[in-house]
Structures are given as C-alpha cells and as structure tokens.
Amino acid sequence: MSADPVQLGLVASLDRPGGNVTGVTQLNVEVAQKRLELLRELLPAARVIALLVNPADTALSDAQMGEMRAVARAVGVELPVLKADSERDFDAVFLNLTQLHAQGLVVAVGGLFTTHAEQLARLAVRHAMPAIYKGREFAAAGGLLSYGSNLGESYRLAGLQAGRILKGDKPADLPVQQATKIELYVNLKTAKALGINVPLPLSGRADELFE
C-alpha cells in the first residue's frame, strides 16, 4: 500500500507490526511533491496546475495535498484541487480543468485512478491536458509522465513476506517492508500529440521512454 499503515492503525509500528498484519509499503506519497516538480520542469511557464484526488481515500489525499501545496507555494504555482470518487466523475473533472485554465494535472495516488489508467490517459490527450501519474501502467496506457514506486519490487517483497508466513513465521514478528525503487516514465508519443518538446535532461533521466 502507499499510505502509512501505522497512521491507519493497521500495525503498531513498521519494525514490530504486533498484530496479524504485515506487508509492503511504497514511497508514492513521499514522492508526491516530486511529481509536481517534474511536471513544472516540463511546463516551466505553467501557473495553474491542478491536483486530482479521491476524497474517499482520506489518508492518501490529505498526505499528498500537504506535500504538493508546499511545493506549489515555493514555485509560484496555483494548485486547485479537484475530486473524483468514481470513474463517472472523470468527464466533469476535465471540464473543470478547462474552466480553471489549468495548464497541467497531477493525478494523486489511489486505487480508483490506477484501475482506470487508460480512461484517464485518453481523457488527458483528448482535452490536451499534460498530466503526471504514479506508475508505469499510466505511461504505458498513454499518460504523458509517470513517477513512483516500482510495482514489481513491491510484489517481490510481498511474495517473500508470504513465503515466510507459510513457513510458520508470525506476521506480528515480520517488519513491514518498504519498496524504495522509484522510476520515471515518459511517453514521447503523447508529448508529440500535445505539442510538447521533452527536454533532453528530463528524457535522459527516464527509466523507460514510450515511443
């Protein structure tokens, strides 16, 4: 998961979960501000960059809003927050982006958005809205930029945890693991469709380019 399991009351601590739950956390919330910085690097003239959150994921949404508002103030960017708790809200979100004169969009971390990665990517291209997301699945679906934890590393660590439990270890004694590999993906085909020239320093840092 991306949220803090201690804050959510799932475990007593990361080192000693203490109950019947252990697992793997990702750094997707911790790097939320970096997503805004990367999008601003691609769009240096942008003055309004919106943030899309799911209000049903309160812990995730609040944490990411706090991280990004500080960065937005520092770089002089207005950060309106739009909300969607269902895929039925997505069309209205993109209409609101136009009304707000937003020049970019940061899609927050959340299961709703990951499940509908292709739909969000299509809408962003249709509305000519440069957007950044949290994982490879978004860039592969046509999203412009993605930055976040490597999902494969999370699955590998979760598999190791499951293996230890199947061999008799108690979840209470297994520290929560943290997936620390962060990756950047750039979809050059989408950039071209949006009329955006991706600077070499940015594309050169990408772990994978989609062309």
N, C-alpha and C. Protein backbone atom coordinates (compact mmCIF):
# COMPACT_ATOMS: atom_id res chain seq x y z
N MET A 1 0.84 -1.19 0.00
CA MET A 1 0.00 0.00 0.00
C MET A 1 0.87 1.24 0.00
N SER A 2 0.26 2.38 -0.38
CA SER A 2 1.00 3.64 -0.42
C SER A 2 0.85 4.46 0.86
N ALA A 3 -0.25 4.27 1.57
CA ALA A 3 -0.47 5.05 2.79
C ALA A 3 0.35 4.47 3.94
N ASP A 4 0.46 5.24 5.01
CA ASP A 4 1.21 4.84 6.20
C ASP A 4 0.36 3.86 7.02
N PRO A 5 0.77 2.58 7.11
CA PRO A 5 -0.06 1.61 7.85
C PRO A 5 -0.12 1.89 9.35
N VAL A 6 0.87 2.59 9.88
CA VAL A 6 0.83 2.97 11.29
C VAL A 6 -0.24 4.03 11.50
N GLN A 7 -0.25 5.03 10.64
CA GLN A 7 -1.24 6.10 10.73
C GLN A 7 -2.66 5.57 10.58
N LEU A 8 -2.81 4.54 9.74
CA LEU A 8 -4.14 3.96 9.53
C LEU A 8 -4.54 2.98 10.62
N GLY A 9 -3.62 2.69 11.54
CA GLY A 9 -3.94 1.78 12.64
C GLY A 9 -3.88 0.31 12.27
N LEU A 10 -3.23 -0.02 11.15
CA LEU A 10 -3.13 -1.42 10.73
C LEU A 10 -2.03 -2.16 11.48
N VAL A 11 -0.96 -1.45 11.84
CA VAL A 11 0.16 -2.06 12.59
C VAL A 11 0.59 -1.10 13.69
N ALA A 12 1.23 -1.67 14.71
CA ALA A 12 1.70 -0.83 15.82
C ALA A 12 2.93 -0.02 15.40
N SER A 13 3.82 -0.64 14.64
CA SER A 13 4.99 0.05 14.11
C SER A 13 5.47 -0.74 12.90
N LEU A 14 6.33 -0.11 12.09
CA LEU A 14 6.83 -0.80 10.91
C LEU A 14 7.77 -1.95 11.31
N ASP A 15 8.55 -1.74 12.35
CA ASP A 15 9.50 -2.77 12.78
C ASP A 15 8.82 -3.94 13.48
N ARG A 16 7.81 -3.63 14.28
CA ARG A 16 7.10 -4.67 15.04
C ARG A 16 5.61 -4.47 14.83
N PRO A 17 5.03 -5.05 13.78
CA PRO A 17 3.60 -4.85 13.49
C PRO A 17 2.70 -5.19 14.67
N GLY A 18 3.01 -6.28 15.37
CA GLY A 18 2.32 -6.57 16.62
C GLY A 18 0.96 -7.21 16.52
N GLY A 19 0.39 -7.32 15.33
CA GLY A 19 -0.92 -7.93 15.22
C GLY A 19 -0.90 -9.08 14.22
N ASN A 20 -1.89 -9.15 13.38
CA ASN A 20 -1.97 -10.23 12.40
C ASN A 20 -1.77 -9.70 10.98
N VAL A 21 -1.13 -8.53 10.87
CA VAL A 21 -0.92 -7.90 9.56
C VAL A 21 0.52 -7.45 9.41
N THR A 22 1.10 -7.77 8.27
CA THR A 22 2.37 -7.17 7.85
C THR A 22 2.27 -6.99 6.35
N GLY A 23 3.32 -6.49 5.72
CA GLY A 23 3.21 -6.29 4.28
C GLY A 23 4.30 -5.40 3.71
N VAL A 24 3.92 -4.64 2.68
CA VAL A 24 4.87 -3.82 1.94
C VAL A 24 4.27 -2.44 1.73
N THR A 25 5.06 -1.41 1.96
CA THR A 25 4.62 -0.06 1.66
C THR A 25 5.46 0.50 0.51
N GLN A 26 4.89 1.46 -0.19
CA GLN A 26 5.57 2.13 -1.29
C GLN A 26 5.81 3.59 -0.94
N LEU A 27 6.66 4.24 -1.70
CA LEU A 27 7.00 5.64 -1.45
C LEU A 27 6.19 6.60 -2.31
N ASN A 28 5.04 6.17 -2.76
CA ASN A 28 4.27 7.00 -3.70
C ASN A 28 3.77 8.29 -3.08
N VAL A 29 3.44 8.28 -1.79
CA VAL A 29 3.02 9.52 -1.13
C VAL A 29 4.22 10.42 -0.87
N GLU A 30 5.32 9.81 -0.44
CA GLU A 30 6.52 10.59 -0.11
C GLU A 30 7.09 11.33 -1.31
N VAL A 31 6.86 10.82 -2.53
CA VAL A 31 7.39 11.49 -3.72
C VAL A 31 6.32 12.30 -4.44
N ALA A 32 5.21 12.56 -3.77
CA ALA A 32 4.12 13.32 -4.40
C ALA A 32 4.60 14.68 -4.88
N GLN A 33 5.39 15.36 -4.05
CA GLN A 33 5.84 16.69 -4.44
C GLN A 33 6.76 16.64 -5.66
N LYS A 34 7.48 15.53 -5.82
CA LYS A 34 8.36 15.39 -6.97
C LYS A 34 7.57 15.34 -8.27
N ARG A 35 6.37 14.78 -8.23
CA ARG A 35 5.55 14.75 -9.44
C ARG A 35 5.23 16.17 -9.90
N LEU A 36 4.88 17.02 -8.96
CA LEU A 36 4.61 18.41 -9.32
C LEU A 36 5.86 19.08 -9.87
N GLU A 37 6.99 18.81 -9.26
CA GLU A 37 8.25 19.40 -9.73
C GLU A 37 8.59 18.93 -11.14
N LEU A 38 8.36 17.66 -11.43
CA LEU A 38 8.66 17.13 -12.76
C LEU A 38 7.74 17.74 -13.82
N LEU A 39 6.47 17.87 -13.49
CA LEU A 39 5.54 18.45 -14.45
C LEU A 39 5.88 19.92 -14.69
N ARG A 40 6.29 20.60 -13.64
CA ARG A 40 6.68 22.01 -13.80
C ARG A 40 7.98 22.11 -14.61
N GLU A 41 8.86 21.15 -14.47
CA GLU A 41 10.09 21.14 -15.28
C GLU A 41 9.73 21.02 -16.76
N LEU A 42 8.72 20.23 -17.06
CA LEU A 42 8.29 20.07 -18.44
C LEU A 42 7.50 21.28 -18.92
N LEU A 43 6.81 21.95 -17.99
CA LEU A 43 5.96 23.10 -18.33
C LEU A 43 6.39 24.31 -17.50
N PRO A 44 7.57 24.88 -17.78
CA PRO A 44 8.10 25.95 -16.92
C PRO A 44 7.25 27.21 -16.88
N ALA A 45 6.41 27.41 -17.89
CA ALA A 45 5.58 28.62 -17.91
C ALA A 45 4.23 28.42 -17.23
N ALA A 46 3.95 27.20 -16.78
CA ALA A 46 2.64 26.91 -16.18
C ALA A 46 2.47 27.66 -14.87
N ARG A 47 1.29 28.23 -14.70
CA ARG A 47 0.97 28.96 -13.47
C ARG A 47 -0.18 28.33 -12.70
N VAL A 48 -0.94 27.45 -13.37
CA VAL A 48 -2.04 26.74 -12.71
C VAL A 48 -1.90 25.25 -13.04
N ILE A 49 -1.60 24.45 -12.02
CA ILE A 49 -1.51 23.00 -12.17
C ILE A 49 -2.44 22.39 -11.14
N ALA A 50 -3.42 21.64 -11.61
CA ALA A 50 -4.44 21.08 -10.71
C ALA A 50 -3.99 19.74 -10.14
N LEU A 51 -4.61 19.37 -9.03
CA LEU A 51 -4.38 18.09 -8.38
C LEU A 51 -5.69 17.34 -8.31
N LEU A 52 -5.71 16.10 -8.80
CA LEU A 52 -6.91 15.27 -8.75
C LEU A 52 -6.76 14.25 -7.64
N VAL A 53 -7.70 14.24 -6.69
CA VAL A 53 -7.66 13.31 -5.56
C VAL A 53 -8.99 12.57 -5.46
N ASN A 54 -8.96 11.46 -4.74
CA ASN A 54 -10.17 10.72 -4.42
C ASN A 54 -10.53 11.01 -2.97
N PRO A 55 -11.62 11.75 -2.71
CA PRO A 55 -11.97 12.11 -1.33
C PRO A 55 -12.30 10.91 -0.45
N ALA A 56 -12.59 9.77 -1.08
CA ALA A 56 -12.86 8.57 -0.29
C ALA A 56 -11.59 8.00 0.33
N ASP A 57 -10.43 8.29 -0.29
CA ASP A 57 -9.13 7.88 0.26
C ASP A 57 -8.57 9.03 1.09
N THR A 58 -9.16 9.26 2.24
CA THR A 58 -8.83 10.45 3.03
C THR A 58 -7.36 10.53 3.40
N ALA A 59 -6.79 9.44 3.90
CA ALA A 59 -5.40 9.47 4.34
C ALA A 59 -4.46 9.77 3.18
N LEU A 60 -4.68 9.10 2.05
CA LEU A 60 -3.84 9.33 0.88
C LEU A 60 -4.00 10.74 0.36
N SER A 61 -5.22 11.20 0.23
CA SER A 61 -5.48 12.52 -0.34
C SER A 61 -4.90 13.63 0.53
N ASP A 62 -5.12 13.57 1.83
CA ASP A 62 -4.63 14.61 2.72
C ASP A 62 -3.11 14.68 2.71
N ALA A 63 -2.46 13.52 2.73
CA ALA A 63 -1.00 13.49 2.74
C ALA A 63 -0.43 14.10 1.47
N GLN A 64 -1.01 13.77 0.34
CA GLN A 64 -0.49 14.28 -0.93
C GLN A 64 -0.77 15.77 -1.10
N MET A 65 -1.93 16.21 -0.65
CA MET A 65 -2.24 17.63 -0.76
C MET A 65 -1.26 18.46 0.06
N GLY A 66 -0.95 17.97 1.26
CA GLY A 66 0.00 18.70 2.10
C GLY A 66 1.37 18.80 1.47
N GLU A 67 1.85 17.70 0.88
CA GLU A 67 3.16 17.68 0.24
C GLU A 67 3.21 18.66 -0.93
N MET A 68 2.18 18.64 -1.76
CA MET A 68 2.23 19.42 -3.01
C MET A 68 1.91 20.89 -2.83
N ARG A 69 1.11 21.22 -1.84
CA ARG A 69 0.80 22.63 -1.61
C ARG A 69 2.05 23.40 -1.22
N ALA A 70 2.92 22.78 -0.44
CA ALA A 70 4.15 23.44 -0.04
C ALA A 70 5.03 23.73 -1.26
N VAL A 71 5.13 22.76 -2.16
CA VAL A 71 5.94 22.96 -3.37
C VAL A 71 5.30 24.01 -4.28
N ALA A 72 3.98 23.95 -4.42
CA ALA A 72 3.29 24.91 -5.28
C ALA A 72 3.55 26.34 -4.82
N ARG A 73 3.48 26.57 -3.51
CA ARG A 73 3.75 27.91 -2.99
C ARG A 73 5.19 28.33 -3.29
N ALA A 74 6.11 27.38 -3.15
CA ALA A 74 7.52 27.70 -3.33
C ALA A 74 7.85 28.09 -4.77
N VAL A 75 7.17 27.47 -5.73
CA VAL A 75 7.48 27.74 -7.15
C VAL A 75 6.48 28.69 -7.79
N GLY A 76 5.54 29.21 -7.00
CA GLY A 76 4.60 30.19 -7.53
C GLY A 76 3.53 29.62 -8.44
N VAL A 77 3.08 28.40 -8.13
CA VAL A 77 2.04 27.76 -8.93
C VAL A 77 0.76 27.66 -8.12
N GLU A 78 -0.35 28.00 -8.76
CA GLU A 78 -1.66 27.81 -8.13
C GLU A 78 -2.03 26.33 -8.25
N LEU A 79 -2.55 25.74 -7.16
CA LEU A 79 -2.84 24.31 -7.13
C LEU A 79 -4.29 24.06 -6.73
N PRO A 80 -5.24 24.25 -7.65
CA PRO A 80 -6.62 23.89 -7.33
C PRO A 80 -6.76 22.38 -7.18
N VAL A 81 -7.63 21.95 -6.27
CA VAL A 81 -7.82 20.52 -6.03
C VAL A 81 -9.19 20.10 -6.57
N LEU A 82 -9.17 19.09 -7.43
CA LEU A 82 -10.39 18.52 -7.97
C LEU A 82 -10.59 17.13 -7.38
N LYS A 83 -11.85 16.70 -7.28
CA LYS A 83 -12.14 15.44 -6.59
C LYS A 83 -12.96 14.51 -7.48
N ALA A 84 -12.64 13.23 -7.37
CA ALA A 84 -13.41 12.19 -8.05
C ALA A 84 -13.38 10.93 -7.20
N ASP A 85 -14.55 10.40 -6.86
CA ASP A 85 -14.60 9.15 -6.11
C ASP A 85 -15.21 8.03 -6.94
N SER A 86 -15.38 8.29 -8.24
CA SER A 86 -15.89 7.30 -9.18
C SER A 86 -15.42 7.68 -10.58
N GLU A 87 -15.29 6.68 -11.45
CA GLU A 87 -14.91 6.98 -12.83
C GLU A 87 -15.96 7.83 -13.54
N ARG A 88 -17.17 7.85 -13.02
CA ARG A 88 -18.22 8.68 -13.61
C ARG A 88 -17.95 10.16 -13.43
N ASP A 89 -17.04 10.51 -12.53
CA ASP A 89 -16.70 11.91 -12.28
C ASP A 89 -15.62 12.44 -13.23
N PHE A 90 -14.96 11.56 -13.98
CA PHE A 90 -13.78 11.97 -14.74
C PHE A 90 -14.09 13.02 -15.82
N ASP A 91 -15.20 12.85 -16.53
CA ASP A 91 -15.53 13.81 -17.58
C ASP A 91 -15.70 15.21 -16.99
N ALA A 92 -16.39 15.29 -15.86
CA ALA A 92 -16.61 16.59 -15.21
C ALA A 92 -15.28 17.19 -14.74
N VAL A 93 -14.37 16.34 -14.28
CA VAL A 93 -13.05 16.83 -13.84
C VAL A 93 -12.34 17.54 -14.97
N PHE A 94 -12.35 16.95 -16.15
CA PHE A 94 -11.62 17.57 -17.26
C PHE A 94 -12.32 18.82 -17.78
N LEU A 95 -13.62 18.88 -17.65
CA LEU A 95 -14.33 20.12 -18.00
C LEU A 95 -13.96 21.22 -17.00
N ASN A 96 -13.84 20.86 -15.73
CA ASN A 96 -13.45 21.84 -14.71
C ASN A 96 -12.02 22.34 -14.94
N LEU A 97 -11.15 21.47 -15.42
CA LEU A 97 -9.77 21.89 -15.71
C LEU A 97 -9.76 23.02 -16.73
N THR A 98 -10.61 22.92 -17.72
CA THR A 98 -10.70 23.97 -18.74
C THR A 98 -11.20 25.27 -18.13
N GLN A 99 -12.21 25.18 -17.29
CA GLN A 99 -12.77 26.37 -16.66
C GLN A 99 -11.76 27.04 -15.72
N LEU A 100 -10.89 26.23 -15.11
CA LEU A 100 -9.87 26.76 -14.20
C LEU A 100 -8.64 27.28 -14.94
N HIS A 101 -8.62 27.12 -16.27
CA HIS A 101 -7.46 27.49 -17.08
C HIS A 101 -6.20 26.76 -16.61
N ALA A 102 -6.40 25.51 -16.19
CA ALA A 102 -5.26 24.71 -15.74
C ALA A 102 -4.38 24.36 -16.93
N GLN A 103 -3.08 24.38 -16.70
CA GLN A 103 -2.12 24.06 -17.75
C GLN A 103 -1.47 22.70 -17.54
N GLY A 104 -1.83 22.04 -16.45
CA GLY A 104 -1.29 20.72 -16.16
C GLY A 104 -2.10 20.06 -15.06
N LEU A 105 -1.91 18.75 -14.91
CA LEU A 105 -2.67 17.99 -13.92
C LEU A 105 -1.77 16.95 -13.27
N VAL A 106 -1.83 16.89 -11.94
CA VAL A 106 -1.18 15.82 -11.19
C VAL A 106 -2.29 14.89 -10.68
N VAL A 107 -2.22 13.63 -11.07
CA VAL A 107 -3.20 12.64 -10.61
C VAL A 107 -2.63 11.97 -9.37
N ALA A 108 -3.33 12.08 -8.27
CA ALA A 108 -2.87 11.54 -7.00
C ALA A 108 -2.84 10.01 -7.03
N VAL A 109 -2.14 9.45 -6.05
CA VAL A 109 -2.08 8.00 -5.89
C VAL A 109 -3.43 7.50 -5.38
N GLY A 110 -3.88 6.38 -5.90
CA GLY A 110 -5.12 5.80 -5.43
C GLY A 110 -5.58 4.67 -6.32
N GLY A 111 -6.23 3.70 -5.72
CA GLY A 111 -6.69 2.53 -6.47
C GLY A 111 -7.66 2.88 -7.58
N LEU A 112 -8.54 3.85 -7.35
CA LEU A 112 -9.50 4.25 -8.37
C LEU A 112 -8.79 4.69 -9.64
N PHE A 113 -7.76 5.52 -9.48
CA PHE A 113 -7.08 6.07 -10.65
C PHE A 113 -6.24 5.01 -11.36
N THR A 114 -5.62 4.13 -10.58
CA THR A 114 -4.83 3.06 -11.19
C THR A 114 -5.71 2.13 -11.99
N THR A 115 -6.88 1.79 -11.46
CA THR A 115 -7.81 0.90 -12.14
C THR A 115 -8.27 1.48 -13.48
N HIS A 116 -8.35 2.81 -13.54
CA HIS A 116 -8.86 3.46 -14.75
C HIS A 116 -7.75 4.28 -15.44
N ALA A 117 -6.54 3.72 -15.45
CA ALA A 117 -5.40 4.41 -16.05
C ALA A 117 -5.64 4.74 -17.51
N GLU A 118 -6.15 3.80 -18.28
CA GLU A 118 -6.36 4.04 -19.71
C GLU A 118 -7.39 5.13 -19.95
N GLN A 119 -8.46 5.13 -19.18
CA GLN A 119 -9.50 6.14 -19.34
C GLN A 119 -8.95 7.54 -19.04
N LEU A 120 -8.18 7.66 -17.96
CA LEU A 120 -7.60 8.95 -17.61
C LEU A 120 -6.60 9.42 -18.66
N ALA A 121 -5.80 8.50 -19.17
CA ALA A 121 -4.82 8.88 -20.20
C ALA A 121 -5.53 9.36 -21.46
N ARG A 122 -6.59 8.67 -21.87
CA ARG A 122 -7.33 9.08 -23.07
C ARG A 122 -7.96 10.45 -22.89
N LEU A 123 -8.55 10.68 -21.73
CA LEU A 123 -9.18 11.97 -21.47
C LEU A 123 -8.16 13.11 -21.48
N ALA A 124 -6.98 12.85 -20.91
CA ALA A 124 -5.94 13.87 -20.88
C ALA A 124 -5.51 14.26 -22.29
N VAL A 125 -5.35 13.28 -23.17
CA VAL A 125 -4.97 13.58 -24.55
C VAL A 125 -6.11 14.29 -25.27
N ARG A 126 -7.33 13.81 -25.07
CA ARG A 126 -8.49 14.41 -25.75
C ARG A 126 -8.65 15.88 -25.37
N HIS A 127 -8.38 16.19 -24.11
CA HIS A 127 -8.53 17.58 -23.64
C HIS A 127 -7.21 18.35 -23.69
N ALA A 128 -6.19 17.76 -24.33
CA ALA A 128 -4.87 18.40 -24.47
C ALA A 128 -4.34 18.87 -23.11
N MET A 129 -4.42 17.98 -22.10
CA MET A 129 -4.01 18.31 -20.75
C MET A 129 -2.77 17.52 -20.35
N PRO A 130 -1.62 18.15 -20.26
CA PRO A 130 -0.42 17.45 -19.79
C PRO A 130 -0.63 16.96 -18.35
N ALA A 131 -0.34 15.70 -18.11
CA ALA A 131 -0.61 15.12 -16.78
C ALA A 131 0.51 14.19 -16.36
N ILE A 132 0.67 14.07 -15.05
CA ILE A 132 1.64 13.14 -14.49
C ILE A 132 0.92 12.23 -13.52
N TYR A 133 1.35 10.97 -13.49
CA TYR A 133 0.69 9.93 -12.71
C TYR A 133 1.73 9.24 -11.83
N LYS A 134 1.35 8.10 -11.24
CA LYS A 134 2.24 7.49 -10.25
C LYS A 134 2.98 6.24 -10.70
N GLY A 135 2.62 5.61 -11.82
CA GLY A 135 3.28 4.35 -12.15
C GLY A 135 3.35 4.06 -13.63
N ARG A 136 4.09 3.04 -13.97
CA ARG A 136 4.34 2.68 -15.36
C ARG A 136 3.05 2.41 -16.13
N GLU A 137 2.04 1.85 -15.45
CA GLU A 137 0.81 1.49 -16.14
C GLU A 137 0.16 2.69 -16.80
N PHE A 138 0.34 3.88 -16.22
CA PHE A 138 -0.25 5.09 -16.79
C PHE A 138 0.47 5.50 -18.08
N ALA A 139 1.80 5.53 -18.02
CA ALA A 139 2.56 5.89 -19.22
C ALA A 139 2.35 4.87 -20.33
N ALA A 140 2.26 3.60 -19.97
CA ALA A 140 2.02 2.56 -20.97
C ALA A 140 0.65 2.72 -21.61
N ALA A 141 -0.30 3.28 -20.87
CA ALA A 141 -1.65 3.49 -21.38
C ALA A 141 -1.77 4.78 -22.18
N GLY A 142 -0.69 5.57 -22.25
CA GLY A 142 -0.71 6.82 -23.00
C GLY A 142 -0.56 8.06 -22.16
N GLY A 143 -0.36 7.90 -20.84
CA GLY A 143 -0.13 9.06 -19.98
C GLY A 143 1.21 9.72 -20.29
N LEU A 144 1.28 11.02 -20.15
CA LEU A 144 2.48 11.77 -20.52
C LEU A 144 3.68 11.41 -19.65
N LEU A 145 3.52 11.52 -18.32
CA LEU A 145 4.60 11.25 -17.39
C LEU A 145 4.10 10.36 -16.25
N SER A 146 4.98 9.53 -15.73
CA SER A 146 4.67 8.76 -14.53
C SER A 146 5.91 8.71 -13.66
N TYR A 147 5.69 8.81 -12.34
CA TYR A 147 6.81 8.79 -11.41
C TYR A 147 6.33 8.16 -10.11
N GLY A 148 6.96 7.04 -9.73
CA GLY A 148 6.55 6.39 -8.50
C GLY A 148 7.27 5.07 -8.28
N SER A 149 6.82 4.35 -7.28
CA SER A 149 7.45 3.09 -6.89
C SER A 149 7.30 2.03 -7.98
N ASN A 150 8.32 1.19 -8.05
CA ASN A 150 8.29 0.07 -8.98
C ASN A 150 7.36 -1.01 -8.42
N LEU A 151 6.28 -1.31 -9.16
CA LEU A 151 5.28 -2.25 -8.66
C LEU A 151 5.84 -3.66 -8.56
N GLY A 152 6.72 -4.01 -9.49
CA GLY A 152 7.31 -5.34 -9.47
C GLY A 152 8.10 -5.59 -8.19
N GLU A 153 8.82 -4.56 -7.71
CA GLU A 153 9.57 -4.70 -6.47
C GLU A 153 8.62 -4.95 -5.29
N SER A 154 7.49 -4.26 -5.30
CA SER A 154 6.50 -4.44 -4.23
C SER A 154 5.98 -5.87 -4.21
N TYR A 155 5.66 -6.39 -5.39
CA TYR A 155 5.15 -7.77 -5.47
C TYR A 155 6.21 -8.77 -5.00
N ARG A 156 7.46 -8.52 -5.38
CA ARG A 156 8.54 -9.44 -4.96
C ARG A 156 8.66 -9.46 -3.44
N LEU A 157 8.65 -8.28 -2.83
CA LEU A 157 8.76 -8.21 -1.37
C LEU A 157 7.54 -8.84 -0.69
N ALA A 158 6.36 -8.62 -1.27
CA ALA A 158 5.14 -9.22 -0.70
C ALA A 158 5.21 -10.74 -0.79
N GLY A 159 5.76 -11.24 -1.89
CA GLY A 159 5.91 -12.69 -2.05
C GLY A 159 6.84 -13.28 -1.01
N LEU A 160 7.93 -12.56 -0.71
CA LEU A 160 8.86 -13.03 0.32
C LEU A 160 8.19 -13.05 1.69
N GLN A 161 7.38 -12.02 1.96
CA GLN A 161 6.66 -11.99 3.24
C GLN A 161 5.69 -13.17 3.34
N ALA A 162 4.96 -13.41 2.24
CA ALA A 162 4.00 -14.52 2.24
C ALA A 162 4.72 -15.85 2.43
N GLY A 163 5.87 -15.99 1.79
CA GLY A 163 6.63 -17.23 1.93
C GLY A 163 7.05 -17.49 3.37
N ARG A 164 7.48 -16.45 4.06
CA ARG A 164 7.90 -16.62 5.46
C ARG A 164 6.71 -17.01 6.35
N ILE A 165 5.55 -16.42 6.05
CA ILE A 165 4.36 -16.75 6.84
C ILE A 165 3.96 -18.20 6.61
N LEU A 166 4.02 -18.63 5.35
CA LEU A 166 3.67 -20.02 5.03
C LEU A 166 4.63 -21.01 5.68
N LYS A 167 5.84 -20.56 5.98
CA LYS A 167 6.81 -21.43 6.65
C LYS A 167 6.69 -21.38 8.17
N GLY A 168 5.75 -20.57 8.67
CA GLY A 168 5.49 -20.57 10.10
C GLY A 168 5.77 -19.29 10.84
N ASP A 169 6.40 -18.30 10.19
CA ASP A 169 6.64 -17.02 10.88
C ASP A 169 5.33 -16.30 11.13
N LYS A 170 5.27 -15.56 12.23
CA LYS A 170 4.06 -14.81 12.58
C LYS A 170 4.14 -13.40 11.99
N PRO A 171 3.05 -12.90 11.39
CA PRO A 171 3.04 -11.54 10.85
C PRO A 171 3.47 -10.50 11.88
N ALA A 172 3.11 -10.72 13.13
CA ALA A 172 3.47 -9.75 14.18
C ALA A 172 4.97 -9.55 14.31
N ASP A 173 5.74 -10.57 13.89
CA ASP A 173 7.20 -10.51 14.04
C ASP A 173 7.92 -10.12 12.75
N LEU A 174 7.17 -9.89 11.68
CA LEU A 174 7.79 -9.58 10.39
C LEU A 174 7.68 -8.09 10.10
N PRO A 175 8.79 -7.36 10.12
CA PRO A 175 8.74 -5.93 9.84
C PRO A 175 8.08 -5.63 8.50
N VAL A 176 7.33 -4.55 8.46
CA VAL A 176 6.75 -4.10 7.19
C VAL A 176 7.89 -3.67 6.28
N GLN A 177 7.93 -4.22 5.08
CA GLN A 177 8.99 -3.89 4.12
C GLN A 177 8.63 -2.63 3.35
N GLN A 178 9.65 -1.95 2.83
CA GLN A 178 9.40 -0.75 2.05
C GLN A 178 10.06 -0.88 0.68
N ALA A 179 9.24 -0.72 -0.37
CA ALA A 179 9.77 -0.73 -1.73
C ALA A 179 10.36 0.65 -2.02
N THR A 180 11.65 0.72 -2.28
CA THR A 180 12.33 2.01 -2.38
C THR A 180 12.75 2.38 -3.80
N LYS A 181 12.52 1.49 -4.77
CA LYS A 181 12.91 1.79 -6.14
C LYS A 181 11.88 2.70 -6.79
N ILE A 182 12.31 3.91 -7.17
CA ILE A 182 11.43 4.90 -7.79
C ILE A 182 11.81 5.03 -9.26
N GLU A 183 10.79 5.08 -10.13
CA GLU A 183 11.06 5.12 -11.56
C GLU A 183 10.29 6.25 -12.25
N LEU A 184 10.90 6.76 -13.33
CA LEU A 184 10.30 7.82 -14.14
C LEU A 184 10.05 7.27 -15.54
N TYR A 185 8.83 7.49 -16.04
CA TYR A 185 8.46 7.06 -17.39
C TYR A 185 7.95 8.26 -18.17
N VAL A 186 8.34 8.33 -19.43
CA VAL A 186 7.94 9.43 -20.31
C VAL A 186 7.36 8.85 -21.58
N ASN A 187 6.16 9.30 -21.95
CA ASN A 187 5.54 8.86 -23.19
C ASN A 187 5.77 9.94 -24.25
N LEU A 188 6.75 9.71 -25.12
CA LEU A 188 7.13 10.70 -26.13
C LEU A 188 6.04 10.83 -27.21
N LYS A 189 5.32 9.75 -27.46
CA LYS A 189 4.24 9.81 -28.44
C LYS A 189 3.14 10.76 -27.97
N THR A 190 2.80 10.68 -26.69
CA THR A 190 1.80 11.59 -26.13
C THR A 190 2.31 13.01 -26.11
N ALA A 191 3.59 13.19 -25.76
CA ALA A 191 4.18 14.54 -25.77
C ALA A 191 4.05 15.17 -27.15
N LYS A 192 4.33 14.39 -28.18
CA LYS A 192 4.22 14.90 -29.55
C LYS A 192 2.79 15.27 -29.88
N ALA A 193 1.83 14.42 -29.46
CA ALA A 193 0.42 14.71 -29.71
C ALA A 193 -0.03 15.99 -29.02
N LEU A 194 0.58 16.29 -27.88
CA LEU A 194 0.24 17.50 -27.13
C LEU A 194 1.06 18.71 -27.55
N GLY A 195 1.99 18.51 -28.48
CA GLY A 195 2.84 19.61 -28.94
C GLY A 195 3.88 20.02 -27.92
N ILE A 196 4.33 19.07 -27.10
CA ILE A 196 5.30 19.36 -26.05
C ILE A 196 6.65 18.78 -26.43
N ASN A 197 7.67 19.59 -26.32
CA ASN A 197 9.04 19.14 -26.56
C ASN A 197 9.65 18.74 -25.22
N VAL A 198 9.92 17.45 -25.04
CA VAL A 198 10.50 16.97 -23.79
C VAL A 198 12.00 17.28 -23.78
N PRO A 199 12.46 18.10 -22.85
CA PRO A 199 13.89 18.44 -22.82
C PRO A 199 14.76 17.21 -22.57
N LEU A 200 15.93 17.22 -23.16
CA LEU A 200 16.83 16.08 -23.06
C LEU A 200 17.18 15.73 -21.61
N PRO A 201 17.44 16.72 -20.73
CA PRO A 201 17.75 16.36 -19.34
C PRO A 201 16.64 15.55 -18.67
N LEU A 202 15.38 15.81 -19.06
CA LEU A 202 14.26 15.07 -18.47
C LEU A 202 14.14 13.68 -19.10
N SER A 203 14.15 13.60 -20.41
CA SER A 203 14.03 12.29 -21.07
C SER A 203 15.24 11.41 -20.76
N GLY A 204 16.41 12.05 -20.54
CA GLY A 204 17.61 11.28 -20.23
C GLY A 204 17.55 10.63 -18.87
N ARG A 205 16.74 11.15 -17.96
CA ARG A 205 16.61 10.57 -16.61
C ARG A 205 15.55 9.48 -16.56
N ALA A 206 14.79 9.32 -17.63
CA ALA A 206 13.70 8.35 -17.62
C ALA A 206 14.21 6.92 -17.58
N ASP A 207 13.52 6.09 -16.82
CA ASP A 207 13.83 4.66 -16.79
C ASP A 207 13.32 3.97 -18.05
N GLU A 208 12.29 4.57 -18.67
CA GLU A 208 11.76 3.99 -19.90
C GLU A 208 11.05 5.09 -20.68
N LEU A 209 11.27 5.10 -22.01
CA LEU A 209 10.60 6.03 -22.91
C LEU A 209 9.63 5.26 -23.78
N PHE A 210 8.41 5.74 -23.87
CA PHE A 210 7.41 5.12 -24.75
C PHE A 210 7.32 5.95 -26.03
N GLU A 211 7.59 5.28 -27.15
CA GLU A 211 7.61 5.98 -28.43
C GLU A 211 6.63 5.37 -29.42
